[in-house]
Amino acid sequence: MATTNSITTTYAGEFAGQYISAALLSGSTLDNGLITIKPNIKFKEVIKKVSSDDIVKDATCDFDPTSTLTLTERILQPDFQQVNLQLCKADFHNDWEAVQMGYSAFDSLPPSFADFLIGHVASKVAQRTEQSIWNGAAATAGQFGGFKELLLADADVTDVGAGAAVTAANAVEKLGLVVDAIGSSLYTSEDMYIYVSQNVARAYVRALGGFASNIGAAGTDDKGTQWYNGGGLSFDGIKIAVANGLADNTMVAAEKSNLFFGTGLLSDSNEIKVIDMADIDGSQNVRVVMRFTAGVQYGIGSDIVLYS
């Protein structure tokens, strides 16, 4: 059965326009390298964790192995996902692109629409992957378990905030809760980030524009709400990363090297096959196929702070 096509048109000549897709969330987490990407995982990969007690002891003349090393592991197992669409070429015979299909009865999908469709599918997959990385639910079809789901289930993760909404009036206070919960050994780590949802980032930008009582009415550089031009954000010396996939009022403080995204081949998420079925089964159908794997995991839960 073909994918349902709803084509509204007033065909009266050759099509001279372009398809325009609605704005989609970009896969900012992966595109900007905000977490560690581990490719070439066929089935699963073991992430080893090492912890120890105070290994430095007073010196003696003898070898005295009194310290303790503990090795544990986490499993990064990407989920198999796919996109399967089927279009009937006959649906386009009375549309603007009919001439592009050729005059033969053995026609093909309009090239302009095929190009648009490939870009649209890739963008939708990037959007869903971004959402799943942070807020995905393993039990929901088309998603994989995201960081929030994994972190909430781990008692070693430091939880703060009790779900309070973040606004311009309290953004500095709530970010402060997250920073105060970061361990002293991690605070100066070069790859430490506070990953925030879009609404938290907006609230913080507005707060720095003069909407927080401890900043001043004129805001940063006395520019009010005009101070921000899309550059990098930080709080107490820690870089802020806007994670488009995070649910509202959610923050995660972690080292980039402690958060992992796993997949098979990175190129799989960029490969979309458009298959004309005419030479295969004689039908008028065109199939769009995409297959890829994706999943996330973290290393040490006690090194992560979650505000949710």
C-alpha atoms as a PDB file:
ATOM      1  CA  MET A   1       0.000   0.000   0.000  1.00  0.00           C
ATOM      2  CA  ALA A   2       1.407   3.371  -1.018  1.00  0.00           C
ATOM      3  CA  THR A   3       2.070   6.134   1.497  1.00  0.00           C
ATOM      4  CA  THR A   4      -0.916   8.501   1.417  1.00  0.00           C
ATOM      5  CA  ASN A   5      -0.197  11.551  -0.754  1.00  0.00           C
ATOM      6  CA  SER A   6      -2.242  14.713  -0.348  1.00  0.00           C
ATOM      7  CA  ILE A   7      -1.559  16.934  -3.371  1.00  0.00           C
ATOM      8  CA  THR A   8      -3.455  20.222  -3.585  1.00  0.00           C
ATOM      9  CA  THR A   9      -2.826  21.959  -6.888  1.00  0.00           C
ATOM     10  CA  THR A  10      -4.276  24.337  -9.486  1.00  0.00           C
ATOM     11  CA  TYR A  11      -2.271  22.946 -12.422  1.00  0.00           C
ATOM     12  CA  ALA A  12      -2.483  25.267 -15.430  1.00  0.00           C
ATOM     13  CA  GLY A  13       1.002  25.156 -16.948  1.00  0.00           C
ATOM     14  CA  GLU A  14       4.632  24.483 -16.192  1.00  0.00           C
ATOM     15  CA  PHE A  15       5.814  24.632 -12.586  1.00  0.00           C
ATOM     16  CA  ALA A  16       8.215  27.523 -12.070  1.00  0.00           C
ATOM     17  CA  GLY A  17       8.584  27.500  -8.297  1.00  0.00           C
ATOM     18  CA  GLN A  18      10.466  25.576  -5.643  1.00  0.00           C
ATOM     19  CA  TYR A  19       9.375  23.360  -2.826  1.00  0.00           C
ATOM     20  CA  ILE A  20       9.764  24.914   0.592  1.00  0.00           C
ATOM     21  CA  SER A  21      10.009  22.724   3.671  1.00  0.00           C
ATOM     22  CA  ALA A  22       8.918  23.917   7.106  1.00  0.00           C
ATOM     23  CA  ALA A  23      11.756  24.816   9.484  1.00  0.00           C
ATOM     24  CA  LEU A  24      13.086  21.725  11.222  1.00  0.00           C
ATOM     25  CA  LEU A  25      15.192  21.268  14.301  1.00  0.00           C
ATOM     26  CA  SER A  26      18.783  20.695  13.237  1.00  0.00           C
ATOM     27  CA  GLY A  27      20.774  17.835  14.660  1.00  0.00           C
ATOM     28  CA  SER A  28      22.818  20.324  16.656  1.00  0.00           C
ATOM     29  CA  THR A  29      24.245  17.862  19.162  1.00  0.00           C
ATOM     30  CA  LEU A  30      25.991  15.753  16.529  1.00  0.00           C
ATOM     31  CA  ASP A  31      26.626  18.524  13.996  1.00  0.00           C
ATOM     32  CA  ASN A  32      28.426  20.612  16.621  1.00  0.00           C
ATOM     33  CA  GLY A  33      30.311  17.685  18.173  1.00  0.00           C
ATOM     34  CA  LEU A  34      28.810  18.246  21.621  1.00  0.00           C
ATOM     35  CA  ILE A  35      29.102  14.590  22.653  1.00  0.00           C
ATOM     36  CA  THR A  36      31.526  11.800  21.825  1.00  0.00           C
ATOM     37  CA  ILE A  37      30.611   9.918  18.630  1.00  0.00           C
ATOM     38  CA  LYS A  38      31.523   6.243  18.463  1.00  0.00           C
ATOM     39  CA  PRO A  39      31.010   4.864  14.928  1.00  0.00           C
ATOM     40  CA  ASN A  40      31.473   1.347  13.517  1.00  0.00           C
ATOM     41  CA  ILE A  41      29.404  -0.436  16.175  1.00  0.00           C
ATOM     42  CA  LYS A  42      27.823  -3.467  14.526  1.00  0.00           C
ATOM     43  CA  PHE A  43      25.840  -4.696  17.548  1.00  0.00           C
ATOM     44  CA  LYS A  44      27.089  -3.366  20.877  1.00  0.00           C
ATOM     45  CA  GLU A  45      30.195  -1.883  22.469  1.00  0.00           C
ATOM     46  CA  VAL A  46      31.381  -2.172  26.065  1.00  0.00           C
ATOM     47  CA  ILE A  47      32.356   1.057  27.818  1.00  0.00           C
ATOM     48  CA  LYS A  48      34.746   0.258  30.664  1.00  0.00           C
ATOM     49  CA  LYS A  49      34.663   2.314  33.864  1.00  0.00           C
ATOM     50  CA  VAL A  50      37.504   2.365  36.389  1.00  0.00           C
ATOM     51  CA  SER A  51      37.208   3.714  39.928  1.00  0.00           C
ATOM     52  CA  SER A  52      39.668   3.625  42.807  1.00  0.00           C
ATOM     53  CA  ASP A  53      40.081   4.683  46.405  1.00  0.00           C
ATOM     54  CA  ASP A  54      42.953   6.856  47.659  1.00  0.00           C
ATOM     55  CA  ILE A  55      45.797   5.122  45.847  1.00  0.00           C
ATOM     56  CA  VAL A  56      48.576   7.310  47.301  1.00  0.00           C
ATOM     57  CA  LYS A  57      49.883   5.854  50.577  1.00  0.00           C
ATOM     58  CA  ASP A  58      52.818   6.476  52.897  1.00  0.00           C
ATOM     59  CA  ALA A  59      55.959   4.824  51.549  1.00  0.00           C
ATOM     60  CA  THR A  60      57.426   1.684  53.113  1.00  0.00           C
ATOM     61  CA  CYS A  61      60.263  -0.686  52.240  1.00  0.00           C
ATOM     62  CA  ASP A  62      57.802  -3.349  51.129  1.00  0.00           C
ATOM     63  CA  PHE A  63      55.291  -3.678  48.321  1.00  0.00           C
ATOM     64  CA  ASP A  64      51.937  -3.226  50.013  1.00  0.00           C
ATOM     65  CA  PRO A  65      48.965  -3.474  47.616  1.00  0.00           C
ATOM     66  CA  THR A  66      46.364  -1.883  49.869  1.00  0.00           C
ATOM     67  CA  SER A  67      44.523   0.233  47.292  1.00  0.00           C
ATOM     68  CA  THR A  68      41.323  -0.822  45.532  1.00  0.00           C
ATOM     69  CA  LEU A  69      40.555  -0.668  41.812  1.00  0.00           C
ATOM     70  CA  THR A  70      37.009  -1.382  40.643  1.00  0.00           C
ATOM     71  CA  LEU A  71      36.205  -2.096  36.999  1.00  0.00           C
ATOM     72  CA  THR A  72      32.605  -1.935  35.811  1.00  0.00           C
ATOM     73  CA  GLU A  73      31.054  -1.494  32.394  1.00  0.00           C
ATOM     74  CA  ARG A  74      28.180   0.015  30.459  1.00  0.00           C
ATOM     75  CA  ILE A  75      26.808  -1.284  27.187  1.00  0.00           C
ATOM     76  CA  LEU A  76      26.286   1.007  24.197  1.00  0.00           C
ATOM     77  CA  GLN A  77      23.866  -0.803  21.899  1.00  0.00           C
ATOM     78  CA  PRO A  78      22.493   1.254  18.996  1.00  0.00           C
ATOM     79  CA  ASP A  79      18.924   0.563  17.882  1.00  0.00           C
ATOM     80  CA  PHE A  80      18.091  -0.346  14.279  1.00  0.00           C
ATOM     81  CA  GLN A  81      15.792   2.230  12.684  1.00  0.00           C
ATOM     82  CA  GLN A  82      14.398   2.812   9.235  1.00  0.00           C
ATOM     83  CA  VAL A  83      12.358   5.047   6.925  1.00  0.00           C
ATOM     84  CA  ASN A  84      10.061   3.348   4.385  1.00  0.00           C
ATOM     85  CA  LEU A  85       7.907   5.464   2.051  1.00  0.00           C
ATOM     86  CA  GLN A  86       6.089   4.516  -1.127  1.00  0.00           C
ATOM     87  CA  LEU A  87       4.777   6.998  -3.691  1.00  0.00           C
ATOM     88  CA  CYS A  88       2.690   6.383  -6.790  1.00  0.00           C
ATOM     89  CA  LYS A  89       3.889   8.304  -9.851  1.00  0.00           C
ATOM     90  CA  ALA A  90       0.328   8.577 -11.154  1.00  0.00           C
ATOM     91  CA  ASP A  91      -0.435  11.035  -8.340  1.00  0.00           C
ATOM     92  CA  PHE A  92       1.842  13.559 -10.063  1.00  0.00           C
ATOM     93  CA  HIS A  93       0.406  13.337 -13.599  1.00  0.00           C
ATOM     94  CA  ASN A  94      -1.938  16.278 -13.049  1.00  0.00           C
ATOM     95  CA  ASP A  95       0.436  18.342 -10.934  1.00  0.00           C
ATOM     96  CA  TRP A  96       2.880  21.116 -11.807  1.00  0.00           C
ATOM     97  CA  GLU A  97       5.750  18.675 -12.343  1.00  0.00           C
ATOM     98  CA  ALA A  98       4.063  16.517 -14.992  1.00  0.00           C
ATOM     99  CA  VAL A  99       6.351  17.749 -17.805  1.00  0.00           C
ATOM    100  CA  GLN A 100       9.427  16.883 -15.756  1.00  0.00           C
ATOM    101  CA  MET A 101       8.279  13.269 -15.655  1.00  0.00           C
ATOM    102  CA  GLY A 102       8.635  12.871 -19.403  1.00  0.00           C
ATOM    103  CA  TYR A 103       5.986  12.080 -22.022  1.00  0.00           C
ATOM    104  CA  SER A 104       6.411   8.291 -21.998  1.00  0.00           C
ATOM    105  CA  ALA A 105       3.966   6.073 -20.131  1.00  0.00           C
ATOM    106  CA  PHE A 106       7.085   4.692 -18.450  1.00  0.00           C
ATOM    107  CA  ASP A 107       7.775   7.937 -16.644  1.00  0.00           C
ATOM    108  CA  SER A 108       9.777   8.745 -13.519  1.00  0.00           C
ATOM    109  CA  LEU A 109       9.270  10.780 -10.366  1.00  0.00           C
ATOM    110  CA  PRO A 110       9.708  14.540 -11.011  1.00  0.00           C
ATOM    111  CA  PRO A 111      13.410  15.298 -10.391  1.00  0.00           C
ATOM    112  CA  SER A 112      12.701  18.503  -8.434  1.00  0.00           C
ATOM    113  CA  PHE A 113      10.360  16.630  -6.100  1.00  0.00           C
ATOM    114  CA  ALA A 114      12.782  13.719  -5.722  1.00  0.00           C
ATOM    115  CA  ASP A 115      15.558  16.110  -4.703  1.00  0.00           C
ATOM    116  CA  PHE A 116      13.269  17.852  -2.239  1.00  0.00           C
ATOM    117  CA  LEU A 117      12.070  14.550  -0.790  1.00  0.00           C
ATOM    118  CA  ILE A 118      15.618  13.353  -0.138  1.00  0.00           C
ATOM    119  CA  GLY A 119      16.471  16.562   1.715  1.00  0.00           C
ATOM    120  CA  HIS A 120      13.199  16.506   3.635  1.00  0.00           C
ATOM    121  CA  VAL A 121      13.647  12.910   4.809  1.00  0.00           C
ATOM    122  CA  ALA A 122      17.238  13.601   5.876  1.00  0.00           C
ATOM    123  CA  SER A 123      16.117  16.642   7.870  1.00  0.00           C
ATOM    124  CA  LYS A 124      13.302  14.723   9.560  1.00  0.00           C
ATOM    125  CA  VAL A 125      15.697  11.948  10.550  1.00  0.00           C
ATOM    126  CA  ALA A 126      18.154  14.527  11.944  1.00  0.00           C
ATOM    127  CA  GLN A 127      15.323  16.070  13.967  1.00  0.00           C
ATOM    128  CA  ARG A 128      14.136  12.746  15.385  1.00  0.00           C
ATOM    129  CA  THR A 129      17.696  11.673  16.205  1.00  0.00           C
ATOM    130  CA  GLU A 130      18.352  14.944  18.054  1.00  0.00           C
ATOM    131  CA  GLN A 131      15.174  14.486  20.078  1.00  0.00           C
ATOM    132  CA  SER A 132      15.941  10.839  20.856  1.00  0.00           C
ATOM    133  CA  ILE A 133      19.506  11.577  21.975  1.00  0.00           C
ATOM    134  CA  TRP A 134      18.221  13.674  24.866  1.00  0.00           C
ATOM    135  CA  ASN A 135      14.573  12.902  25.409  1.00  0.00           C
ATOM    136  CA  GLY A 136      13.948   9.590  23.656  1.00  0.00           C
ATOM    137  CA  ALA A 137      11.954   6.770  25.251  1.00  0.00           C
ATOM    138  CA  ALA A 138      13.119   3.241  24.510  1.00  0.00           C
ATOM    139  CA  ALA A 139       9.517   1.947  24.629  1.00  0.00           C
ATOM    140  CA  THR A 140       8.324   4.407  21.948  1.00  0.00           C
ATOM    141  CA  ALA A 141       8.453   3.247  18.329  1.00  0.00           C
ATOM    142  CA  GLY A 142      10.919   5.223  16.219  1.00  0.00           C
ATOM    143  CA  GLN A 143      12.940   6.383  19.230  1.00  0.00           C
ATOM    144  CA  PHE A 144      15.809   5.051  21.311  1.00  0.00           C
ATOM    145  CA  GLY A 145      16.380   5.576  25.019  1.00  0.00           C
ATOM    146  CA  GLY A 146      17.825   9.067  25.486  1.00  0.00           C
ATOM    147  CA  PHE A 147      20.095  10.532  28.123  1.00  0.00           C
ATOM    148  CA  LYS A 148      17.256  11.876  30.277  1.00  0.00           C
ATOM    149  CA  GLU A 149      15.624   8.455  30.537  1.00  0.00           C
ATOM    150  CA  LEU A 150      18.952   6.794  31.330  1.00  0.00           C
ATOM    151  CA  LEU A 151      20.020   9.407  33.882  1.00  0.00           C
ATOM    152  CA  LEU A 152      16.702   9.412  35.749  1.00  0.00           C
ATOM    153  CA  ALA A 153      17.073   5.664  36.266  1.00  0.00           C
ATOM    154  CA  ASP A 154      20.590   5.953  37.763  1.00  0.00           C
ATOM    155  CA  ALA A 155      20.821   6.685  41.492  1.00  0.00           C
ATOM    156  CA  ASP A 156      24.485   7.705  41.076  1.00  0.00           C
ATOM    157  CA  VAL A 157      23.473  10.761  39.022  1.00  0.00           C
ATOM    158  CA  THR A 158      23.103  13.968  41.045  1.00  0.00           C
ATOM    159  CA  ASP A 159      19.544  15.278  40.670  1.00  0.00           C
ATOM    160  CA  VAL A 160      18.742  18.932  41.398  1.00  0.00           C
ATOM    161  CA  GLY A 161      15.908  21.349  40.713  1.00  0.00           C
ATOM    162  CA  ALA A 162      12.811  19.239  41.460  1.00  0.00           C
ATOM    163  CA  GLY A 163      11.351  20.152  38.082  1.00  0.00           C
ATOM    164  CA  ALA A 164      10.876  23.878  38.697  1.00  0.00           C
ATOM    165  CA  ALA A 165      10.242  25.917  35.542  1.00  0.00           C
ATOM    166  CA  VAL A 166      13.148  28.113  34.437  1.00  0.00           C
ATOM    167  CA  THR A 167      12.296  31.760  33.707  1.00  0.00           C
ATOM    168  CA  ALA A 168      14.249  34.964  33.163  1.00  0.00           C
ATOM    169  CA  ALA A 169      13.665  35.781  36.826  1.00  0.00           C
ATOM    170  CA  ASN A 170      15.242  32.580  38.164  1.00  0.00           C
ATOM    171  CA  ALA A 171      17.560  31.376  35.356  1.00  0.00           C
ATOM    172  CA  VAL A 172      20.724  32.470  37.154  1.00  0.00           C
ATOM    173  CA  GLU A 173      19.563  30.792  40.363  1.00  0.00           C
ATOM    174  CA  LYS A 174      18.698  27.502  38.645  1.00  0.00           C
ATOM    175  CA  LEU A 175      21.937  27.390  36.672  1.00  0.00           C
ATOM    176  CA  GLY A 176      23.694  28.036  39.964  1.00  0.00           C
ATOM    177  CA  LEU A 177      22.086  24.923  41.451  1.00  0.00           C
ATOM    178  CA  VAL A 178      23.547  22.849  38.637  1.00  0.00           C
ATOM    179  CA  VAL A 179      27.027  24.349  38.928  1.00  0.00           C
ATOM    180  CA  ASP A 180      27.083  23.996  42.716  1.00  0.00           C
ATOM    181  CA  ALA A 181      26.376  20.270  42.326  1.00  0.00           C
ATOM    182  CA  ILE A 182      29.330  19.668  39.992  1.00  0.00           C
ATOM    183  CA  GLY A 183      32.188  17.896  41.742  1.00  0.00           C
ATOM    184  CA  SER A 184      35.281  19.959  42.481  1.00  0.00           C
ATOM    185  CA  SER A 185      37.451  17.630  40.385  1.00  0.00           C
ATOM    186  CA  LEU A 186      35.228  18.259  37.347  1.00  0.00           C
ATOM    187  CA  TYR A 187      34.589  21.989  37.592  1.00  0.00           C
ATOM    188  CA  THR A 188      37.756  22.955  35.695  1.00  0.00           C
ATOM    189  CA  SER A 189      37.524  20.134  33.147  1.00  0.00           C
ATOM    190  CA  GLU A 190      38.063  21.468  29.631  1.00  0.00           C
ATOM    191  CA  ASP A 191      35.222  19.449  28.135  1.00  0.00           C
ATOM    192  CA  MET A 192      32.648  20.150  30.852  1.00  0.00           C
ATOM    193  CA  TYR A 193      29.370  21.519  29.463  1.00  0.00           C
ATOM    194  CA  ILE A 194      25.991  22.494  30.796  1.00  0.00           C
ATOM    195  CA  TYR A 195      23.564  21.172  28.182  1.00  0.00           C
ATOM    196  CA  VAL A 196      20.338  23.173  28.324  1.00  0.00           C
ATOM    197  CA  SER A 197      16.981  23.113  26.579  1.00  0.00           C
ATOM    198  CA  GLN A 198      15.974  25.976  24.313  1.00  0.00           C
ATOM    199  CA  ASN A 199      13.674  27.592  26.865  1.00  0.00           C
ATOM    200  CA  VAL A 200      16.463  27.629  29.482  1.00  0.00           C
ATOM    201  CA  ALA A 201      18.841  29.271  27.010  1.00  0.00           C
ATOM    202  CA  ARG A 202      16.257  31.914  26.120  1.00  0.00           C
ATOM    203  CA  ALA A 203      15.556  32.610  29.795  1.00  0.00           C
ATOM    204  CA  TYR A 204      19.271  32.985  30.544  1.00  0.00           C
ATOM    205  CA  VAL A 205      19.819  35.341  27.578  1.00  0.00           C
ATOM    206  CA  ARG A 206      16.896  37.460  28.726  1.00  0.00           C
ATOM    207  CA  ALA A 207      18.160  37.454  32.300  1.00  0.00           C
ATOM    208  CA  LEU A 208      21.526  38.791  31.146  1.00  0.00           C
ATOM    209  CA  GLY A 209      19.638  41.485  29.265  1.00  0.00           C
ATOM    210  CA  GLY A 210      18.538  43.018  32.557  1.00  0.00           C
ATOM    211  CA  PHE A 211      15.711  40.796  33.725  1.00  0.00           C
ATOM    212  CA  ALA A 212      17.551  39.436  36.756  1.00  0.00           C
ATOM    213  CA  SER A 213      17.744  41.587  39.878  1.00  0.00           C
ATOM    214  CA  ASN A 214      21.436  40.913  40.458  1.00  0.00           C
ATOM    215  CA  ILE A 215      22.521  41.982  36.942  1.00  0.00           C
ATOM    216  CA  GLY A 216      21.073  45.473  36.636  1.00  0.00           C
ATOM    217  CA  ALA A 217      18.294  46.992  34.585  1.00  0.00           C
ATOM    218  CA  ALA A 218      20.490  47.677  31.549  1.00  0.00           C
ATOM    219  CA  GLY A 219      21.891  44.145  31.374  1.00  0.00           C
ATOM    220  CA  THR A 220      25.201  42.991  29.955  1.00  0.00           C
ATOM    221  CA  ASP A 221      27.328  45.874  28.596  1.00  0.00           C
ATOM    222  CA  ASP A 222      24.351  48.191  29.205  1.00  0.00           C
ATOM    223  CA  LYS A 223      22.752  46.864  25.990  1.00  0.00           C
ATOM    224  CA  GLY A 224      19.552  45.464  27.454  1.00  0.00           C
ATOM    225  CA  THR A 225      18.041  42.646  25.411  1.00  0.00           C
ATOM    226  CA  GLN A 226      20.177  43.662  22.410  1.00  0.00           C
ATOM    227  CA  TRP A 227      23.367  42.328  23.989  1.00  0.00           C
ATOM    228  CA  TYR A 228      23.121  38.802  22.539  1.00  0.00           C
ATOM    229  CA  ASN A 229      24.017  38.161  18.880  1.00  0.00           C
ATOM    230  CA  GLY A 230      24.042  34.379  18.813  1.00  0.00           C
ATOM    231  CA  GLY A 231      27.533  33.781  20.194  1.00  0.00           C
ATOM    232  CA  GLY A 232      28.658  31.290  22.812  1.00  0.00           C
ATOM    233  CA  LEU A 233      27.164  31.252  26.295  1.00  0.00           C
ATOM    234  CA  SER A 234      28.806  30.322  29.575  1.00  0.00           C
ATOM    235  CA  PHE A 235      27.948  30.321  33.262  1.00  0.00           C
ATOM    236  CA  ASP A 236      30.521  30.578  36.039  1.00  0.00           C
ATOM    237  CA  GLY A 237      33.206  29.707  33.505  1.00  0.00           C
ATOM    238  CA  ILE A 238      31.451  26.572  32.217  1.00  0.00           C
ATOM    239  CA  LYS A 239      30.396  26.417  28.561  1.00  0.00           C
ATOM    240  CA  ILE A 240      26.658  26.239  27.844  1.00  0.00           C
ATOM    241  CA  ALA A 241      25.487  24.080  24.935  1.00  0.00           C
ATOM    242  CA  VAL A 242      21.929  24.409  23.640  1.00  0.00           C
ATOM    243  CA  ALA A 243      20.626  20.880  23.024  1.00  0.00           C
ATOM    244  CA  ASN A 244      17.581  21.190  20.769  1.00  0.00           C
ATOM    245  CA  GLY A 245      16.364  17.738  21.754  1.00  0.00           C
ATOM    246  CA  LEU A 246      16.161  18.438  25.492  1.00  0.00           C
ATOM    247  CA  ALA A 247      12.684  18.855  26.946  1.00  0.00           C
ATOM    248  CA  ASP A 248      11.827  22.243  28.444  1.00  0.00           C
ATOM    249  CA  ASN A 249      13.262  23.054  31.875  1.00  0.00           C
ATOM    250  CA  THR A 250      15.978  20.413  31.601  1.00  0.00           C
ATOM    251  CA  MET A 251      19.730  20.760  32.091  1.00  0.00           C
ATOM    252  CA  VAL A 252      22.557  18.234  32.114  1.00  0.00           C
ATOM    253  CA  ALA A 253      26.051  19.046  33.366  1.00  0.00           C
ATOM    254  CA  ALA A 254      28.580  16.528  32.087  1.00  0.00           C
ATOM    255  CA  GLU A 255      31.880  16.127  30.333  1.00  0.00           C
ATOM    256  CA  LYS A 256      31.630  15.634  26.597  1.00  0.00           C
ATOM    257  CA  SER A 257      33.967  12.652  27.016  1.00  0.00           C
ATOM    258  CA  ASN A 258      31.411  11.045  29.370  1.00  0.00           C
ATOM    259  CA  LEU A 259      28.506  11.120  26.893  1.00  0.00           C
ATOM    260  CA  PHE A 260      28.497   8.771  23.899  1.00  0.00           C
ATOM    261  CA  PHE A 261      26.509   8.426  20.687  1.00  0.00           C
ATOM    262  CA  GLY A 262      26.914   5.103  18.934  1.00  0.00           C
ATOM    263  CA  THR A 263      26.108   4.106  15.361  1.00  0.00           C
ATOM    264  CA  GLY A 264      27.198   1.703  12.655  1.00  0.00           C
ATOM    265  CA  LEU A 265      28.376   3.743   9.694  1.00  0.00           C
ATOM    266  CA  LEU A 266      28.036   7.510   9.991  1.00  0.00           C
ATOM    267  CA  SER A 267      27.256   7.596   6.268  1.00  0.00           C
ATOM    268  CA  ASP A 268      24.124   5.475   6.832  1.00  0.00           C
ATOM    269  CA  SER A 269      22.312   8.487   8.279  1.00  0.00           C
ATOM    270  CA  ASN A 270      23.071  10.412   5.067  1.00  0.00           C
ATOM    271  CA  GLU A 271      22.146   7.686   2.568  1.00  0.00           C
ATOM    272  CA  ILE A 272      18.605   7.718   1.221  1.00  0.00           C
ATOM    273  CA  LYS A 273      17.682   5.339  -1.583  1.00  0.00           C
ATOM    274  CA  VAL A 274      14.964   6.280  -4.064  1.00  0.00           C
ATOM    275  CA  ILE A 275      13.995   3.073  -5.888  1.00  0.00           C
ATOM    276  CA  ASP A 276      11.783   3.146  -8.993  1.00  0.00           C
ATOM    277  CA  MET A 277       9.867  -0.155  -8.890  1.00  0.00           C
ATOM    278  CA  ALA A 278       8.881  -0.092 -12.593  1.00  0.00           C
ATOM    279  CA  ASP A 279      11.763  -2.343 -13.660  1.00  0.00           C
ATOM    280  CA  ILE A 280      11.322  -4.617 -10.649  1.00  0.00           C
ATOM    281  CA  ASP A 281       7.591  -5.367 -10.438  1.00  0.00           C
ATOM    282  CA  GLY A 282       6.144  -3.286 -13.280  1.00  0.00           C
ATOM    283  CA  SER A 283       4.285  -0.960 -10.904  1.00  0.00           C
ATOM    284  CA  GLN A 284       4.041   2.826 -10.876  1.00  0.00           C
ATOM    285  CA  ASN A 285       5.489   2.980  -7.365  1.00  0.00           C
ATOM    286  CA  VAL A 286       8.637   4.664  -6.130  1.00  0.00           C
ATOM    287  CA  ARG A 287      10.080   3.583  -2.780  1.00  0.00           C
ATOM    288  CA  VAL A 288      12.148   5.709  -0.443  1.00  0.00           C
ATOM    289  CA  VAL A 289      14.353   3.671   1.901  1.00  0.00           C
ATOM    290  CA  MET A 290      16.686   4.648   4.716  1.00  0.00           C
ATOM    291  CA  ARG A 291      18.270   2.367   7.330  1.00  0.00           C
ATOM    292  CA  PHE A 292      20.603   3.321  10.168  1.00  0.00           C
ATOM    293  CA  THR A 293      21.460   2.581  13.791  1.00  0.00           C
ATOM    294  CA  ALA A 294      21.638   5.007  16.693  1.00  0.00           C
ATOM    295  CA  GLY A 295      21.890   4.944  20.475  1.00  0.00           C
ATOM    296  CA  VAL A 296      23.410   6.762  23.443  1.00  0.00           C
ATOM    297  CA  GLN A 297      25.132   5.846  26.685  1.00  0.00           C
ATOM    298  CA  TYR A 298      27.207   7.555  29.357  1.00  0.00           C
ATOM    299  CA  GLY A 299      30.180   6.396  31.359  1.00  0.00           C
ATOM    300  CA  ILE A 300      30.193   7.527  35.007  1.00  0.00           C
ATOM    301  CA  GLY A 301      26.854   8.562  36.460  1.00  0.00           C
ATOM    302  CA  SER A 302      28.309  10.186  39.575  1.00  0.00           C
ATOM    303  CA  ASP A 303      30.073  12.739  37.318  1.00  0.00           C
ATOM    304  CA  ILE A 304      26.763  13.978  35.875  1.00  0.00           C
ATOM    305  CA  VAL A 305      24.245  16.502  37.234  1.00  0.00           C
ATOM    306  CA  LEU A 306      20.623  16.423  36.022  1.00  0.00           C
ATOM    307  CA  TYR A 307      18.104  19.234  36.421  1.00  0.00           C
ATOM    308  CA  SER A 308      14.662  18.077  35.361  1.00  0.00           C
END
